[in-house]
Amino acid sequence: MTTAHSTATPPVLVAVDVAKAKHDVLVELPDGRRKKMVVRNQLPEFRRLADYLRSLGRECLIAFEPTADYHRCLAYFLGSQGFELRLASSLSVARTREALHNSWDKNDPKDAQVILHLLRTGATQRFYDPVLAETNDLQELSKTHHQVSLRKTRIQHSLMNHYLPLYFPEAERFLCTTRAGWFARLLVAFPTPASVAALPEAEFVSTAARLVRTKHSKEAVLRSFHAKARQSVGLPVPDCLPRLDLLRALRDGAFSCESAAAVVSAVALPPPLAGAPEVGVEQPSGGLVTPDVAVDALMADGELPPSAQVTGYLFRAPLPAQQPLDCGEVLRREAAVAARA
């Protein structure tokens, strides 16, 4: 039987578990040895990782699991340095972790081992960086359109499931399509049945026709809209809000149930103080201040706290120098000092 011998040099396998502040890196050399590294999300740390991988003198395959957008900066840096990148899907990482460790428990070193196993078995995908592939602008435009569509759908559902059933149930039959922009403009101008019924039919039709601006005449629809508003069963809403024209600057205006003189009135201010407010000088506390345990990166170190220190002001003056203070009560105002010319 013929024995196959491969002349290709085995690559160095690199698994990266991505996080927000730091990344756990597991490197497996062709001889089976492994090296663990912690790379913080900083440019000097990225360069240290790239220099170490170049020093190995072999081809490197780098795999990572997509974690929100935290992997993009590291992937762009390594891709721009000429390294070949692989992508391990989150579903495959989760299922492989359960199969290898027989547990759903996860941590960063364990995830790095799982990603390395997927990279070794070839269960990864090639990663194309959008910036290097010159598709980042198109991707951002697509995501922006998606977010706008989500907010548009959310507002539509709020109108159809909350506002219209409560305050204008008859208006929902006029919303025949989700792209009816004329209905949104009409609802902004006339949000309640009372605002529609306050105008005569002819005046309402002529006013609303300028808002609709469609190719086909909506006169019959507007007449029906006015008739439904006059017989609406919606909850009554007092028409006490001033009309706002978003195309012009906002000014102070009177409510529909108030006169213009009630909008702005004089406010009586308290009289000024007879003299400058003065307080006595306070002494610092004589007790010692015990420092807290040293905290680094949200982790409490095991080091013992330093010795207690005496209190001091911002200038770090020692306590004896702060003791000789005149603590007498100030009984009169200080003399005014004229400014220099």
Protein backbone atom coordinates (compact mmCIF):
# COMPACT_ATOMS: atom_id res chain seq x y z
CA MET A 1 0.00 0.00 0.00
CA THR A 2 1.34 3.42 -0.98
CA THR A 3 2.05 5.81 1.87
CA ALA A 4 1.21 9.45 1.19
CA HIS A 5 3.73 12.04 2.28
CA SER A 6 2.75 15.72 2.27
CA THR A 7 5.45 18.27 1.53
CA ALA A 8 3.30 21.18 2.73
CA THR A 9 4.43 22.86 5.93
CA PRO A 10 1.74 22.59 8.61
CA PRO A 11 0.50 26.02 9.69
CA VAL A 12 0.37 27.51 13.15
CA LEU A 13 -3.19 27.45 14.50
CA VAL A 14 -4.32 30.49 16.46
CA ALA A 15 -7.67 30.65 18.29
CA VAL A 16 -8.91 33.98 19.65
CA ASP A 17 -11.78 34.34 22.12
CA VAL A 18 -12.94 37.91 21.62
CA ALA A 19 -14.14 40.11 24.47
CA LYS A 20 -14.67 43.82 25.01
CA ALA A 21 -11.51 44.77 26.90
CA LYS A 22 -9.17 41.82 26.26
CA HIS A 23 -8.87 38.75 24.06
CA ASP A 24 -7.71 35.27 25.10
CA VAL A 25 -5.35 33.83 22.48
CA LEU A 26 -4.39 30.16 22.24
CA VAL A 27 -1.55 29.30 19.83
CA GLU A 28 -0.84 25.69 18.79
CA LEU A 29 2.50 24.99 17.10
CA PRO A 30 2.93 22.20 14.54
CA ASP A 31 4.68 20.01 17.12
CA GLY A 32 1.64 20.15 19.43
CA ARG A 33 2.94 22.69 21.93
CA ARG A 34 0.54 25.42 23.01
CA LYS A 35 1.00 28.95 24.23
CA LYS A 36 -1.63 31.12 25.94
CA MET A 37 -1.66 34.88 25.62
CA VAL A 38 -3.90 37.72 26.79
CA VAL A 39 -4.12 40.59 24.31
CA ARG A 40 -5.83 43.76 25.42
CA ASN A 41 -7.84 45.85 23.00
CA GLN A 42 -4.98 48.29 22.42
CA LEU A 43 -2.75 48.98 19.42
CA PRO A 44 0.55 48.08 21.20
CA GLU A 45 -0.96 44.74 22.23
CA PHE A 46 -2.09 44.07 18.64
CA ARG A 47 1.42 44.78 17.39
CA ARG A 48 2.90 42.49 20.05
CA LEU A 49 0.68 39.65 18.85
CA ALA A 50 1.54 40.26 15.19
CA ASP A 51 5.27 40.39 15.93
CA TYR A 52 5.10 37.12 17.85
CA LEU A 53 3.26 35.34 15.04
CA ARG A 54 5.77 36.60 12.46
CA SER A 55 8.65 35.41 14.64
CA LEU A 56 7.38 31.83 14.30
CA GLY A 57 8.32 31.84 10.62
CA ARG A 58 5.30 29.77 9.53
CA GLU A 59 1.91 30.35 7.99
CA CYS A 60 -0.68 31.25 10.61
CA LEU A 61 -4.39 30.49 10.52
CA ILE A 62 -6.30 32.72 12.94
CA ALA A 63 -9.87 31.83 13.91
CA PHE A 64 -12.27 33.70 16.17
CA GLU A 65 -15.95 33.76 17.07
CA PRO A 66 -17.91 36.87 16.03
CA THR A 67 -18.85 38.78 19.20
CA ALA A 68 -21.06 41.79 18.40
CA ASP A 69 -18.61 44.26 16.78
CA TYR A 70 -15.72 43.72 19.21
CA HIS A 71 -13.90 41.41 16.79
CA ARG A 72 -13.84 43.91 13.92
CA CYS A 73 -10.87 46.02 15.08
CA LEU A 74 -8.62 43.03 15.76
CA ALA A 75 -9.70 41.30 12.56
CA TYR A 76 -8.98 44.41 10.50
CA PHE A 77 -5.54 44.82 12.04
CA LEU A 78 -4.53 41.18 11.52
CA GLY A 79 -6.00 41.14 8.02
CA SER A 80 -4.09 44.27 7.06
CA GLN A 81 -0.90 42.58 8.33
CA GLY A 82 -1.39 39.73 5.83
CA PHE A 83 -2.66 36.99 8.16
CA GLU A 84 -5.32 34.55 6.99
CA LEU A 85 -8.49 34.76 9.05
CA ARG A 86 -11.18 32.19 9.77
CA LEU A 87 -14.64 32.62 11.31
CA ALA A 88 -16.20 30.10 13.73
CA SER A 89 -19.96 30.48 13.98
CA SER A 90 -21.46 30.98 17.44
CA LEU A 91 -23.79 28.00 16.99
CA SER A 92 -20.97 25.61 16.13
CA VAL A 93 -18.91 26.86 19.07
CA ALA A 94 -21.83 26.32 21.48
CA ARG A 95 -22.63 22.81 20.22
CA THR A 96 -18.97 21.76 20.14
CA ARG A 97 -18.42 23.05 23.68
CA GLU A 98 -21.33 20.94 24.93
CA ALA A 99 -20.03 17.88 23.07
CA LEU A 100 -16.40 18.20 24.24
CA HIS A 101 -16.97 19.23 27.85
CA ASN A 102 -20.41 17.68 28.43
CA SER A 103 -21.53 20.93 30.03
CA TRP A 104 -23.08 24.23 29.05
CA ASP A 105 -20.63 26.11 31.29
CA LYS A 106 -18.34 28.46 29.43
CA ASN A 107 -15.37 30.72 30.05
CA ASP A 108 -12.80 32.45 27.88
CA PRO A 109 -10.01 29.81 28.01
CA LYS A 110 -12.51 27.04 27.33
CA ASP A 111 -13.95 28.90 24.35
CA ALA A 112 -10.46 29.37 22.94
CA GLN A 113 -9.91 25.60 23.09
CA VAL A 114 -13.22 24.98 21.34
CA ILE A 115 -12.36 27.45 18.57
CA LEU A 116 -8.96 25.78 18.18
CA HIS A 117 -10.68 22.38 17.81
CA LEU A 118 -12.97 23.76 15.08
CA LEU A 119 -9.99 25.31 13.30
CA ARG A 120 -8.05 22.03 13.43
CA THR A 121 -10.99 20.03 12.02
CA GLY A 122 -11.72 22.57 9.28
CA ALA A 123 -15.18 23.53 10.58
CA THR A 124 -14.63 27.26 10.03
CA GLN A 125 -15.40 29.79 7.34
CA ARG A 126 -13.18 32.26 5.54
CA PHE A 127 -13.53 35.77 6.97
CA TYR A 128 -13.68 38.77 4.63
CA ASP A 129 -13.16 42.10 6.36
CA PRO A 130 -15.62 44.69 5.00
CA VAL A 131 -13.05 47.50 5.16
CA LEU A 132 -10.37 45.54 3.30
CA ALA A 133 -12.97 44.27 0.82
CA GLU A 134 -14.22 47.86 0.30
CA THR A 135 -17.81 46.94 1.19
CA ASN A 136 -17.99 48.63 4.58
CA ASP A 137 -19.94 51.69 3.32
CA LEU A 138 -22.52 49.47 1.65
CA GLN A 139 -22.83 47.39 4.81
CA GLU A 140 -23.30 50.45 7.02
CA LEU A 141 -25.91 51.85 4.62
CA SER A 142 -27.78 48.54 4.71
CA LYS A 143 -27.70 48.44 8.52
CA THR A 144 -28.93 52.04 8.73
CA HIS A 145 -31.83 51.22 6.42
CA HIS A 146 -32.63 48.21 8.57
CA GLN A 147 -32.71 50.30 11.76
CA VAL A 148 -34.92 52.93 10.12
CA SER A 149 -37.30 50.20 8.97
CA LEU A 150 -37.47 48.75 12.48
CA ARG A 151 -38.34 52.13 13.99
CA LYS A 152 -40.89 52.79 11.29
CA THR A 153 -42.56 49.46 11.99
CA ARG A 154 -42.50 50.14 15.72
CA ILE A 155 -44.25 53.50 15.28
CA GLN A 156 -46.81 51.94 12.96
CA HIS A 157 -47.61 49.21 15.49
CA SER A 158 -47.89 51.80 18.27
CA LEU A 159 -50.42 53.75 16.23
CA MET A 160 -52.48 50.75 15.17
CA ASN A 161 -52.43 48.91 18.51
CA HIS A 162 -52.56 51.78 20.99
CA TYR A 163 -53.32 55.27 19.73
CA LEU A 164 -56.00 54.66 17.10
CA PRO A 165 -58.02 52.08 19.10
CA LEU A 166 -58.18 54.50 22.04
CA TYR A 167 -58.66 57.93 20.51
CA PHE A 168 -59.62 57.51 16.83
CA PRO A 169 -60.83 53.96 16.05
CA GLU A 170 -62.56 54.98 12.81
CA ALA A 171 -59.31 56.23 11.25
CA GLU A 172 -57.74 52.78 11.01
CA ARG A 173 -59.90 51.81 8.00
CA PHE A 174 -58.23 54.59 5.97
CA LEU A 175 -54.77 53.11 6.55
CA CYS A 176 -54.86 50.75 3.59
CA THR A 177 -51.07 50.35 3.21
CA THR A 178 -48.00 50.82 5.37
CA ARG A 179 -46.52 53.23 2.80
CA ALA A 180 -49.42 55.71 3.04
CA GLY A 181 -47.47 58.83 3.83
CA TRP A 182 -50.54 61.00 3.35
CA PHE A 183 -52.22 59.31 6.31
CA ALA A 184 -49.26 60.14 8.58
CA ARG A 185 -49.31 63.80 7.52
CA LEU A 186 -53.07 63.96 8.01
CA LEU A 187 -52.82 62.38 11.47
CA VAL A 188 -50.13 64.87 12.54
CA ALA A 189 -52.28 67.82 11.49
CA PHE A 190 -55.53 66.35 12.87
CA PRO A 191 -54.61 63.90 15.66
CA THR A 192 -58.08 63.64 17.27
CA PRO A 193 -61.67 63.48 16.04
CA ALA A 194 -62.36 66.77 17.84
CA SER A 195 -59.71 68.55 15.77
CA VAL A 196 -61.37 67.25 12.58
CA ALA A 197 -64.94 68.03 13.64
CA ALA A 198 -63.96 71.56 14.69
CA LEU A 199 -63.79 72.54 11.00
CA PRO A 200 -66.64 72.52 8.51
CA GLU A 201 -66.50 69.79 5.90
CA ALA A 202 -65.54 72.07 3.02
CA GLU A 203 -62.80 73.81 4.99
CA PHE A 204 -61.43 70.48 6.25
CA VAL A 205 -61.32 69.01 2.74
CA SER A 206 -59.52 72.04 1.32
CA THR A 207 -57.03 72.08 4.21
CA ALA A 208 -56.37 68.33 4.19
CA ALA A 209 -56.04 68.21 0.40
CA ARG A 210 -52.84 70.28 0.67
CA LEU A 211 -51.44 67.71 3.10
CA VAL A 212 -52.32 64.61 1.11
CA ARG A 213 -50.48 65.50 -2.13
CA THR A 214 -51.22 62.31 -4.06
CA LYS A 215 -51.68 61.70 -7.77
CA HIS A 216 -55.31 60.67 -7.32
CA SER A 217 -58.03 62.81 -5.79
CA LYS A 218 -58.77 62.06 -2.15
CA GLU A 219 -61.82 64.30 -1.86
CA ALA A 220 -64.23 61.40 -1.32
CA VAL A 221 -61.89 59.84 1.22
CA LEU A 222 -61.52 63.12 3.11
CA ARG A 223 -65.29 63.65 3.19
CA SER A 224 -65.72 60.16 4.60
CA PHE A 225 -62.90 60.83 7.09
CA HIS A 226 -64.68 63.98 8.28
CA ALA A 227 -68.00 62.15 8.63
CA LYS A 228 -66.42 59.35 10.66
CA ALA A 229 -64.71 61.89 12.93
CA ARG A 230 -68.01 63.59 13.76
CA GLN A 231 -69.43 60.24 14.94
CA SER A 232 -66.28 58.86 16.57
CA VAL A 233 -66.50 56.65 19.68
CA GLY A 234 -62.91 57.37 20.72
CA LEU A 235 -61.98 58.61 24.14
CA PRO A 236 -62.39 62.38 24.48
CA VAL A 237 -59.16 64.38 24.43
CA PRO A 238 -59.24 68.08 25.35
CA ASP A 239 -57.92 70.23 22.55
CA CYS A 240 -55.71 72.36 24.81
CA LEU A 241 -52.37 71.91 23.07
CA PRO A 242 -51.05 74.70 20.84
CA ARG A 243 -50.51 73.93 17.18
CA LEU A 244 -46.82 73.61 16.30
CA ASP A 245 -45.57 74.40 12.82
CA LEU A 246 -42.29 72.51 12.47
CA LEU A 247 -41.31 74.53 9.41
CA ARG A 248 -41.08 77.77 11.42
CA ALA A 249 -39.41 78.84 14.64
CA LEU A 250 -41.36 78.02 17.80
CA ARG A 251 -42.75 80.99 19.72
CA ASP A 252 -44.62 81.43 22.97
CA GLY A 253 -48.29 80.95 22.30
CA ALA A 254 -51.48 80.73 24.28
CA PHE A 255 -53.37 77.50 24.82
CA SER A 256 -56.73 77.21 23.13
CA CYS A 257 -58.47 77.56 26.51
CA GLU A 258 -56.35 80.45 27.83
CA SER A 259 -55.80 84.05 26.95
CA ALA A 260 -52.48 85.36 25.69
CA ALA A 261 -51.94 87.42 28.84
CA ALA A 262 -51.77 84.22 30.93
CA VAL A 263 -48.77 82.82 29.06
CA VAL A 264 -46.07 85.14 30.41
CA SER A 265 -46.26 86.80 33.82
CA ALA A 266 -43.84 88.58 36.10
CA VAL A 267 -41.98 86.37 38.57
CA ALA A 268 -41.11 87.94 41.92
CA LEU A 269 -37.51 87.21 42.87
CA PRO A 270 -36.36 87.17 46.51
CA PRO A 271 -34.43 90.23 47.68
CA PRO A 272 -30.62 89.91 47.67
CA LEU A 273 -28.75 89.23 50.87
CA ALA A 274 -27.71 92.21 52.98
CA GLY A 275 -24.11 91.05 53.09
CA ALA A 276 -21.79 88.41 51.74
CA PRO A 277 -22.47 84.97 53.28
CA GLU A 278 -19.59 83.93 55.55
CA VAL A 279 -18.88 80.77 57.53
CA GLY A 280 -16.17 79.80 59.91
CA VAL A 281 -13.14 77.73 58.88
CA GLU A 282 -13.56 74.05 59.61
CA GLN A 283 -10.71 71.91 60.92
CA PRO A 284 -9.81 68.58 59.36
CA SER A 285 -10.62 65.41 61.22
CA GLY A 286 -7.96 64.21 63.61
CA GLY A 287 -8.51 60.50 62.98
CA LEU A 288 -6.53 58.35 60.62
CA VAL A 289 -7.99 57.41 57.24
CA THR A 290 -7.62 53.72 56.38
CA PRO A 291 -7.12 53.20 52.62
CA ASP A 292 -9.23 50.71 50.69
CA VAL A 293 -7.93 47.55 49.06
CA ALA A 294 -6.10 48.26 45.81
CA VAL A 295 -8.37 47.76 42.81
CA ASP A 296 -7.01 47.04 39.32
CA ALA A 297 -9.24 46.27 36.31
CA LEU A 298 -12.23 45.62 38.56
CA MET A 299 -10.37 42.81 40.35
CA ALA A 300 -9.27 43.05 43.97
CA ASP A 301 -5.59 42.25 44.38
CA GLY A 302 -4.30 40.08 47.16
CA GLU A 303 -1.79 42.68 48.32
CA LEU A 304 -2.04 44.09 51.81
CA PRO A 305 -3.18 47.74 52.04
CA PRO A 306 -0.54 50.33 52.97
CA SER A 307 -0.37 51.90 56.35
CA ALA A 308 -2.97 54.41 57.48
CA GLN A 309 -2.41 58.06 56.58
CA VAL A 310 -3.49 61.28 58.15
CA THR A 311 -6.06 63.47 56.48
CA GLY A 312 -5.07 66.45 54.37
CA TYR A 313 -6.49 69.09 52.08
CA LEU A 314 -6.03 69.26 48.30
CA PHE A 315 -2.57 70.74 48.74
CA ARG A 316 -1.54 67.68 50.81
CA ALA A 317 -0.56 69.86 53.77
CA PRO A 318 0.20 67.75 56.87
CA LEU A 319 -2.19 67.78 59.79
CA PRO A 320 0.03 69.80 62.25
CA ALA A 321 0.26 72.64 59.75
CA GLN A 322 -3.52 72.83 59.56
CA GLN A 323 -4.17 72.97 63.31
CA PRO A 324 -3.23 76.61 64.13
CA LEU A 325 -6.41 78.06 62.63
CA ASP A 326 -8.57 80.87 64.00
CA CYS A 327 -11.91 79.20 64.64
CA GLY A 328 -13.60 82.29 66.02
CA GLU A 329 -16.95 83.33 64.65
CA VAL A 330 -16.91 86.02 61.99
CA LEU A 331 -18.98 88.92 63.37
CA ARG A 332 -18.60 91.48 60.59
CA ARG A 333 -18.04 91.70 56.89
CA GLU A 334 -14.56 91.75 55.46
CA ALA A 335 -13.14 95.05 54.29
CA ALA A 336 -13.51 95.66 50.59
CA VAL A 337 -10.24 95.75 48.63
CA ALA A 338 -10.13 98.08 45.65
CA ALA A 339 -8.99 96.59 42.36
CA ARG A 340 -5.63 97.61 40.95
CA ALA A 341 -5.53 99.95 38.00
